[in-house]
PDB file of N, CA and C in Angstrom:
ATOM      1  N   MET A   1       0.628  -1.017   0.212  1.00  0.00           N
ATOM      2  CA  MET A   1      -0.116  -0.432  -0.158  1.00  0.00           C
ATOM      3  C   MET A   1       0.738   1.258   0.721  1.00  0.00           C
ATOM      4  N   ASP A   2       0.226   2.178  -0.474  1.00  0.00           N
ATOM      5  CA  ASP A   2       1.024   3.731  -0.485  1.00  0.00           C
ATOM      6  C   ASP A   2       1.094   4.813   0.309  1.00  0.00           C
ATOM      7  N   VAL A   3       0.899   4.727   1.779  1.00  0.00           N
ATOM      8  CA  VAL A   3       0.726   4.907   2.573  1.00  0.00           C
ATOM      9  C   VAL A   3       0.334   7.046   1.946  1.00  0.00           C
ATOM     10  N   THR A   4       1.240   7.509   1.250  1.00  0.00           N
ATOM     11  CA  THR A   4       1.784   8.598   1.029  1.00  0.00           C
ATOM     12  C   THR A   4       0.514   9.006   0.066  1.00  0.00           C
ATOM     13  N   ARG A   5       0.249   7.937  -0.385  1.00  0.00           N
ATOM     14  CA  ARG A   5      -1.072   8.183  -2.089  1.00  0.00           C
ATOM     15  C   ARG A   5      -2.088   8.268  -0.677  1.00  0.00           C
ATOM     16  N   GLU A   6      -2.442   7.417  -0.429  1.00  0.00           N
ATOM     17  CA  GLU A   6      -3.621   6.768   0.503  1.00  0.00           C
ATOM     18  C   GLU A   6      -4.412   8.314   1.517  1.00  0.00           C
ATOM     19  N   VAL A   7      -3.136   9.279   2.313  1.00  0.00           N
ATOM     20  CA  VAL A   7      -2.617  10.385   2.819  1.00  0.00           C
ATOM     21  C   VAL A   7      -3.648  11.304   1.697  1.00  0.00           C
ATOM     22  N   ILE A   8      -2.792  11.454   1.399  1.00  0.00           N
ATOM     23  CA  ILE A   8      -3.237  12.354   0.159  1.00  0.00           C
ATOM     24  C   ILE A   8      -4.341  12.339  -0.241  1.00  0.00           C
ATOM     25  N   ASN A   9      -5.263  10.890  -0.593  1.00  0.00           N
ATOM     26  CA  ASN A   9      -6.694  11.118  -0.914  1.00  0.00           C
ATOM     27  C   ASN A   9      -7.335  11.598  -0.032  1.00  0.00           C
ATOM     28  N   VAL A  10      -7.044  10.762   1.282  1.00  0.00           N
ATOM     29  CA  VAL A  10      -7.340  11.303   2.957  1.00  0.00           C
ATOM     30  C   VAL A  10      -7.741  12.324   2.832  1.00  0.00           C
ATOM     31  N   LEU A  11      -6.716  13.259   2.298  1.00  0.00           N
ATOM     32  CA  LEU A  11      -6.593  14.525   2.324  1.00  0.00           C
ATOM     33  C   LEU A  11      -7.625  15.614   1.386  1.00  0.00           C
ATOM     34  N   ASP A  12      -7.607  14.906   0.443  1.00  0.00           N
ATOM     35  CA  ASP A  12      -8.291  15.732  -0.757  1.00  0.00           C
ATOM     36  C   ASP A  12     -10.010  15.706  -0.445  1.00  0.00           C
ATOM     37  N   GLU A  13     -10.059  14.422   0.425  1.00  0.00           N
ATOM     38  CA  GLU A  13     -11.664  14.230   0.323  1.00  0.00           C
ATOM     39  C   GLU A  13     -11.605  14.782   1.450  1.00  0.00           C
ATOM     40  N   VAL A  14     -11.360  15.257   2.714  1.00  0.00           N
ATOM     41  CA  VAL A  14     -12.232  15.710   4.116  1.00  0.00           C
ATOM     42  C   VAL A  14     -11.654  17.365   3.899  1.00  0.00           C
ATOM     43  N   LEU A  15     -10.675  17.377   3.349  1.00  0.00           N
ATOM     44  CA  LEU A  15     -10.826  18.885   3.218  1.00  0.00           C
ATOM     45  C   LEU A  15     -11.259  19.369   2.115  1.00  0.00           C
ATOM     46  N   SER A  16     -12.181  18.182   1.653  1.00  0.00           N
ATOM     47  CA  SER A  16     -13.231  19.444   0.097  1.00  0.00           C
ATOM     48  C   SER A  16     -12.248  20.518  -0.856  1.00  0.00           C
ATOM     49  N   LEU A  17     -11.242  19.540  -1.097  1.00  0.00           N
ATOM     50  CA  LEU A  17     -10.041  20.086  -1.896  1.00  0.00           C
ATOM     51  C   LEU A  17      -9.931  20.679  -3.630  1.00  0.00           C
ATOM     52  N   GLY A  18     -11.525  18.928  -4.103  1.00  0.00           N
ATOM     53  CA  GLY A  18     -12.062  19.151  -4.925  1.00  0.00           C
ATOM     54  C   GLY A  18     -10.878  18.856  -6.250  1.00  0.00           C
ATOM     55  N   GLY A  19      -9.799  17.791  -5.389  1.00  0.00           N
ATOM     56  CA  GLY A  19      -8.358  17.682  -6.788  1.00  0.00           C
ATOM     57  C   GLY A  19      -7.635  18.351  -6.389  1.00  0.00           C
ATOM     58  N   ARG A  20      -7.379  18.970  -5.927  1.00  0.00           N
ATOM     59  CA  ARG A  20      -5.877  20.274  -5.334  1.00  0.00           C
ATOM     60  C   ARG A  20      -4.821  19.078  -5.215  1.00  0.00           C
ATOM     61  N   ALA A  21      -5.361  17.901  -4.129  1.00  0.00           N
ATOM     62  CA  ALA A  21      -4.346  17.468  -3.191  1.00  0.00           C
ATOM     63  C   ALA A  21      -3.914  16.355  -4.368  1.00  0.00           C
ATOM     64  N   ALA A  22      -4.312  16.504  -5.656  1.00  0.00           N
ATOM     65  CA  ALA A  22      -3.294  15.520  -6.588  1.00  0.00           C
ATOM     66  C   ALA A  22      -1.804  16.305  -6.876  1.00  0.00           C
ATOM     67  N   SER A  23      -1.878  17.318  -6.843  1.00  0.00           N
ATOM     68  CA  SER A  23      -0.035  18.386  -6.581  1.00  0.00           C
ATOM     69  C   SER A  23       0.649  18.324  -5.389  1.00  0.00           C
ATOM     70  N   PHE A  24      -0.077  17.222  -4.887  1.00  0.00           N
ATOM     71  CA  PHE A  24       1.363  17.253  -3.306  1.00  0.00           C
ATOM     72  C   PHE A  24       2.003  16.702  -3.323  1.00  0.00           C
ATOM     73  N   THR A  25       2.793  16.898  -2.918  1.00  0.00           N
ATOM     74  CA  THR A  25       3.866  15.843  -2.444  1.00  0.00           C
ATOM     75  C   THR A  25       4.471  16.000  -1.893  1.00  0.00           C
ATOM     76  N   ARG A  26       5.460  14.776  -0.599  1.00  0.00           N
ATOM     77  CA  ARG A  26       5.985  14.989  -0.032  1.00  0.00           C
ATOM     78  C   ARG A  26       5.901  15.965   1.465  1.00  0.00           C
ATOM     79  N   GLU A  27       6.891  16.540   0.246  1.00  0.00           N
ATOM     80  CA  GLU A  27       7.603  18.012   1.065  1.00  0.00           C
ATOM     81  C   GLU A  27       5.935  19.137   0.897  1.00  0.00           C
ATOM     82  N   THR A  28       4.582  18.294   0.808  1.00  0.00           N
ATOM     83  CA  THR A  28       3.754  19.840   0.690  1.00  0.00           C
ATOM     84  C   THR A  28       3.407  19.716   2.157  1.00  0.00           C
ATOM     85  N   PRO A  29       3.815  21.469   2.754  1.00  0.00           N
ATOM     86  CA  PRO A  29       3.286  21.806   3.860  1.00  0.00           C
ATOM     87  C   PRO A  29       1.709  21.838   4.019  1.00  0.00           C
ATOM     88  N   LEU A  30       1.922  21.417   5.372  1.00  0.00           N
ATOM     89  CA  LEU A  30       0.684  21.221   5.515  1.00  0.00           C
ATOM     90  C   LEU A  30      -0.584  22.252   6.818  1.00  0.00           C
ATOM     91  N   LEU A  31      -0.354  22.323   7.915  1.00  0.00           N
ATOM     92  CA  LEU A  31      -0.608  23.153   9.301  1.00  0.00           C
ATOM     93  C   LEU A  31      -0.006  24.905   8.333  1.00  0.00           C
ATOM     94  N   GLY A  32      -0.851  25.438   9.007  1.00  0.00           N
ATOM     95  CA  GLY A  32      -0.605  26.606   8.998  1.00  0.00           C
ATOM     96  C   GLY A  32      -0.655  27.310   7.046  1.00  0.00           C
ATOM     97  N   ALA A  33      -0.666  26.486   6.370  1.00  0.00           N
ATOM     98  CA  ALA A  33      -0.312  26.396   4.788  1.00  0.00           C
ATOM     99  C   ALA A  33      -1.700  26.201   4.118  1.00  0.00           C
ATOM    100  N   ILE A  34      -2.513  25.479   4.555  1.00  0.00           N
ATOM    101  CA  ILE A  34      -3.880  24.741   3.950  1.00  0.00           C
ATOM    102  C   ILE A  34      -4.815  25.533   4.498  1.00  0.00           C
ATOM    103  N   PRO A  35      -5.648  26.432   4.231  1.00  0.00           N
ATOM    104  CA  PRO A  35      -6.968  27.084   5.401  1.00  0.00           C
ATOM    105  C   PRO A  35      -7.424  25.860   5.695  1.00  0.00           C
ATOM    106  N   GLU A  36      -7.762  25.345   4.847  1.00  0.00           N
ATOM    107  CA  GLU A  36      -9.575  24.234   5.306  1.00  0.00           C
ATOM    108  C   GLU A  36      -8.612  23.203   6.610  1.00  0.00           C
ATOM    109  N   LEU A  37      -7.589  23.342   6.611  1.00  0.00           N
ATOM    110  CA  LEU A  37      -6.590  22.495   7.123  1.00  0.00           C
ATOM    111  C   LEU A  37      -6.572  23.142   9.301  1.00  0.00           C
ATOM    112  N   ASP A  38      -8.329  23.424   9.970  1.00  0.00           N
ATOM    113  CA  ASP A  38      -8.235  23.768  10.862  1.00  0.00           C
ATOM    114  C   ASP A  38      -8.349  22.189  11.468  1.00  0.00           C
ATOM    115  N   SER A  39      -8.423  22.842  13.343  1.00  0.00           N
ATOM    116  CA  SER A  39      -8.626  22.079  14.098  1.00  0.00           C
ATOM    117  C   SER A  39     -10.187  20.616  14.167  1.00  0.00           C
ATOM    118  N   MET A  40     -10.643  21.910  13.711  1.00  0.00           N
ATOM    119  CA  MET A  40     -11.381  20.115  12.849  1.00  0.00           C
ATOM    120  C   MET A  40     -11.154  19.086  12.128  1.00  0.00           C
ATOM    121  N   ALA A  41     -11.092  19.894  11.327  1.00  0.00           N
ATOM    122  CA  ALA A  41     -10.243  18.959  10.039  1.00  0.00           C
ATOM    123  C   ALA A  41      -9.313  18.166  10.852  1.00  0.00           C
ATOM    124  N   VAL A  42      -8.827  17.955  11.806  1.00  0.00           N
ATOM    125  CA  VAL A  42      -7.218  18.016  12.329  1.00  0.00           C
ATOM    126  C   VAL A  42      -7.973  16.367  12.658  1.00  0.00           C
ATOM    127  N   ALA A  43      -8.701  16.617  13.286  1.00  0.00           N
ATOM    128  CA  ALA A  43      -9.811  15.776  14.031  1.00  0.00           C
ATOM    129  C   ALA A  43     -10.386  14.517  12.761  1.00  0.00           C
ATOM    130  N   THR A  44     -11.158  15.538  12.157  1.00  0.00           N
ATOM    131  CA  THR A  44     -11.931  14.246  10.865  1.00  0.00           C
ATOM    132  C   THR A  44     -10.646  13.379  10.395  1.00  0.00           C
ATOM    133  N   LEU A  45      -9.615  14.036   9.850  1.00  0.00           N
ATOM    134  CA  LEU A  45      -8.442  13.504   9.291  1.00  0.00           C
ATOM    135  C   LEU A  45      -8.254  12.076   9.867  1.00  0.00           C
ATOM    136  N   ILE A  46      -7.569  12.261  11.228  1.00  0.00           N
ATOM    137  CA  ILE A  46      -7.267  10.839  12.153  1.00  0.00           C
ATOM    138  C   ILE A  46      -8.613  10.517  12.169  1.00  0.00           C
ATOM    139  N   THR A  47      -9.244  10.733  12.048  1.00  0.00           N
ATOM    140  CA  THR A  47     -10.357  10.106  12.473  1.00  0.00           C
ATOM    141  C   THR A  47     -10.510   8.757  11.298  1.00  0.00           C
ATOM    142  N   THR A  48     -10.603   9.616  10.170  1.00  0.00           N
ATOM    143  CA  THR A  48     -10.900   8.967   8.663  1.00  0.00           C
ATOM    144  C   THR A  48      -9.586   8.566   8.553  1.00  0.00           C
ATOM    145  N   LEU A  49      -8.145   7.988   8.624  1.00  0.00           N
ATOM    146  CA  LEU A  49      -7.151   7.484   8.459  1.00  0.00           C
ATOM    147  C   LEU A  49      -7.320   6.197   9.507  1.00  0.00           C
ATOM    148  N   GLU A  50      -7.777   6.756  10.394  1.00  0.00           N
ATOM    149  CA  GLU A  50      -8.036   5.859  11.679  1.00  0.00           C
ATOM    150  C   GLU A  50      -8.425   4.475  10.751  1.00  0.00           C
ATOM    151  N   GLU A  51     -10.106   4.604  10.610  1.00  0.00           N
ATOM    152  CA  GLU A  51     -10.971   4.115   9.674  1.00  0.00           C
ATOM    153  C   GLU A  51     -10.137   3.942   8.660  1.00  0.00           C
ATOM    154  N   ARG A  52     -10.249   3.927   7.874  1.00  0.00           N
ATOM    155  CA  ARG A  52      -9.703   3.276   6.093  1.00  0.00           C
ATOM    156  C   ARG A  52      -8.436   2.323   6.360  1.00  0.00           C
ATOM    157  N   LEU A  53      -7.068   2.481   7.301  1.00  0.00           N
ATOM    158  CA  LEU A  53      -6.174   1.905   7.295  1.00  0.00           C
ATOM    159  C   LEU A  53      -6.126   1.162   8.488  1.00  0.00           C
ATOM    160  N   GLY A  54      -6.844   0.861   9.881  1.00  0.00           N
ATOM    161  CA  GLY A  54      -7.167   0.252  10.699  1.00  0.00           C
ATOM    162  C   GLY A  54      -5.912   0.271  11.595  1.00  0.00           C
ATOM    163  N   PHE A  55      -5.812   1.752  11.898  1.00  0.00           N
ATOM    164  CA  PHE A  55      -4.836   1.619  13.612  1.00  0.00           C
ATOM    165  C   PHE A  55      -5.532   2.279  14.294  1.00  0.00           C
ATOM    166  N   VAL A  56      -5.212   2.750  15.911  1.00  0.00           N
ATOM    167  CA  VAL A  56      -5.701   3.516  16.271  1.00  0.00           C
ATOM    168  C   VAL A  56      -4.184   5.009  16.136  1.00  0.00           C
ATOM    169  N   ALA A  57      -4.691   6.014  16.375  1.00  0.00           N
ATOM    170  CA  ALA A  57      -3.687   7.187  16.785  1.00  0.00           C
ATOM    171  C   ALA A  57      -3.047   7.252  18.441  1.00  0.00           C
ATOM    172  N   ASP A  58      -1.912   7.102  18.526  1.00  0.00           N
ATOM    173  CA  ASP A  58      -1.419   6.758  19.931  1.00  0.00           C
ATOM    174  C   ASP A  58      -1.135   8.316  19.970  1.00  0.00           C
ATOM    175  N   ASP A  59      -1.171   7.840  22.033  1.00  0.00           N
ATOM    176  CA  ASP A  59      -0.706   9.897  22.954  1.00  0.00           C
ATOM    177  C   ASP A  59      -0.160  10.606  21.868  1.00  0.00           C
ATOM    178  N   ASP A  60       1.601   9.889  21.574  1.00  0.00           N
ATOM    179  CA  ASP A  60       2.177  11.182  20.517  1.00  0.00           C
ATOM    180  C   ASP A  60       1.840  11.615  19.614  1.00  0.00           C
ATOM    181  N   LEU A  61       0.484  11.825  19.351  1.00  0.00           N
ATOM    182  CA  LEU A  61       0.336  12.832  18.383  1.00  0.00           C
ATOM    183  C   LEU A  61       0.310  13.892  18.586  1.00  0.00           C
ATOM    184  N   ASP A  62       1.406  14.880  17.565  1.00  0.00           N
ATOM    185  CA  ASP A  62       1.176  16.756  17.722  1.00  0.00           C
ATOM    186  C   ASP A  62       1.395  16.719  16.700  1.00  0.00           C
ATOM    187  N   GLY A  63       1.387  18.596  16.692  1.00  0.00           N
ATOM    188  CA  GLY A  63       1.349  19.022  15.491  1.00  0.00           C
ATOM    189  C   GLY A  63       2.580  18.698  14.536  1.00  0.00           C
ATOM    190  N   SER A  64       3.273  18.262  15.294  1.00  0.00           N
ATOM    191  CA  SER A  64       4.868  17.713  13.922  1.00  0.00           C
ATOM    192  C   SER A  64       4.355  17.141  13.049  1.00  0.00           C
ATOM    193  N   ALA A  65       3.336  16.496  13.494  1.00  0.00           N
ATOM    194  CA  ALA A  65       2.498  14.979  12.805  1.00  0.00           C
ATOM    195  C   ALA A  65       1.931  15.944  11.099  1.00  0.00           C
ATOM    196  N   PHE A  66       1.763  16.895  11.142  1.00  0.00           N
ATOM    197  CA  PHE A  66       1.049  17.411  10.408  1.00  0.00           C
ATOM    198  C   PHE A  66       1.794  18.328   9.502  1.00  0.00           C
ATOM    199  N   ALA A  67       3.097  18.683   9.806  1.00  0.00           N
ATOM    200  CA  ALA A  67       3.805  19.696   8.802  1.00  0.00           C
ATOM    201  C   ALA A  67       3.883  19.960   7.866  1.00  0.00           C
ATOM    202  N   THR A  68       3.770  18.101   7.389  1.00  0.00           N
ATOM    203  CA  THR A  68       4.616  18.239   5.867  1.00  0.00           C
ATOM    204  C   THR A  68       3.184  17.194   5.542  1.00  0.00           C
ATOM    205  N   VAL A  69       3.078  16.303   3.882  1.00  0.00           N
ATOM    206  CA  VAL A  69       2.534  15.268   4.152  1.00  0.00           C
ATOM    207  C   VAL A  69       3.099  14.078   4.171  1.00  0.00           C
ATOM    208  N   GLY A  70       4.702  14.507   3.997  1.00  0.00           N
ATOM    209  CA  GLY A  70       5.478  13.333   4.033  1.00  0.00           C
ATOM    210  C   GLY A  70       5.379  13.136   5.802  1.00  0.00           C
ATOM    211  N   ALA A  71       5.540  14.051   6.712  1.00  0.00           N
ATOM    212  CA  ALA A  71       5.573  13.803   7.947  1.00  0.00           C
ATOM    213  C   ALA A  71       4.117  13.030   8.514  1.00  0.00           C
ATOM    214  N   LEU A  72       2.676  13.002   7.498  1.00  0.00           N
ATOM    215  CA  LEU A  72       1.956  12.789   8.110  1.00  0.00           C
ATOM    216  C   LEU A  72       1.989  10.811   8.162  1.00  0.00           C
ATOM    217  N   ALA A  73       2.237  11.383   6.535  1.00  0.00           N
ATOM    218  CA  ALA A  73       2.514   9.918   6.143  1.00  0.00           C
ATOM    219  C   ALA A  73       3.230   8.351   6.632  1.00  0.00           C
ATOM    220  N   ASP A  74       4.886   9.635   7.492  1.00  0.00           N
ATOM    221  CA  ASP A  74       5.111   8.938   7.610  1.00  0.00           C
ATOM    222  C   ASP A  74       4.773   8.230   9.840  1.00  0.00           C
ATOM    223  N   PHE A  75       3.871   9.338   9.886  1.00  0.00           N
ATOM    224  CA  PHE A  75       3.220   8.904  11.023  1.00  0.00           C
ATOM    225  C   PHE A  75       2.198   7.483  11.296  1.00  0.00           C
ATOM    226  N   VAL A  76       1.621   7.939  10.310  1.00  0.00           N
ATOM    227  CA  VAL A  76      -0.010   7.324   9.626  1.00  0.00           C
ATOM    228  C   VAL A  76       1.309   5.854   9.276  1.00  0.00           C
ATOM    229  N   SER A  77       2.526   5.860   9.037  1.00  0.00           N
ATOM    230  CA  SER A  77       2.796   4.346   8.603  1.00  0.00           C
ATOM    231  C   SER A  77       3.655   3.454   9.944  1.00  0.00           C
ATOM    232  N   ALA A  78       3.551   4.248  10.940  1.00  0.00           N
ATOM    233  CA  ALA A  78       4.372   4.101  12.358  1.00  0.00           C
ATOM    234  C   ALA A  78       3.075   3.450  12.851  1.00  0.00           C
ATOM    235  N   GLN A  79       2.170   3.955  12.736  1.00  0.00           N
ATOM    236  CA  GLN A  79       0.865   3.675  13.173  1.00  0.00           C
ATOM    237  C   GLN A  79       0.406   2.143  13.087  1.00  0.00           C
ATOM    238  N   ILE A  80       0.480   2.322  11.475  1.00  0.00           N
ATOM    239  CA  ILE A  80       0.398   1.339  10.777  1.00  0.00           C
ATOM    240  C   ILE A  80       1.136  -0.416  11.611  1.00  0.00           C
ATOM    241  N   ALA A  81       2.484   0.164  11.442  1.00  0.00           N
ATOM    242  CA  ALA A  81       3.549  -0.831  12.072  1.00  0.00           C
ATOM    243  C   ALA A  81       3.765  -1.444  13.327  1.00  0.00           C
ATOM    244  N   GLN A  82       2.446  -0.768  13.872  1.00  0.00           N
ATOM    245  CA  GLN A  82       2.621  -1.156  15.380  1.00  0.00           C
ATOM    246  C   GLN A  82       1.906  -2.162  15.767  1.00  0.00           C
TER     247      GLN A  82
END
């Protein structure tokens, strides 16, 4: 499974980006760069990722996981591996 691609797909869906996320790369900044990514969207994003990819986010989740697409994909990959 391509976790980065799945994260990008979920970002596009949850944030209602209308396909804008298709151009995202691992280096694309998230928090502070995408207005749609507010605190409520973060909660929905994590819940959706948990449901789709079958993990439960641990208590170590903090803002650094949302710095870039790559940081979020790495966080998700680490959660799946547990």
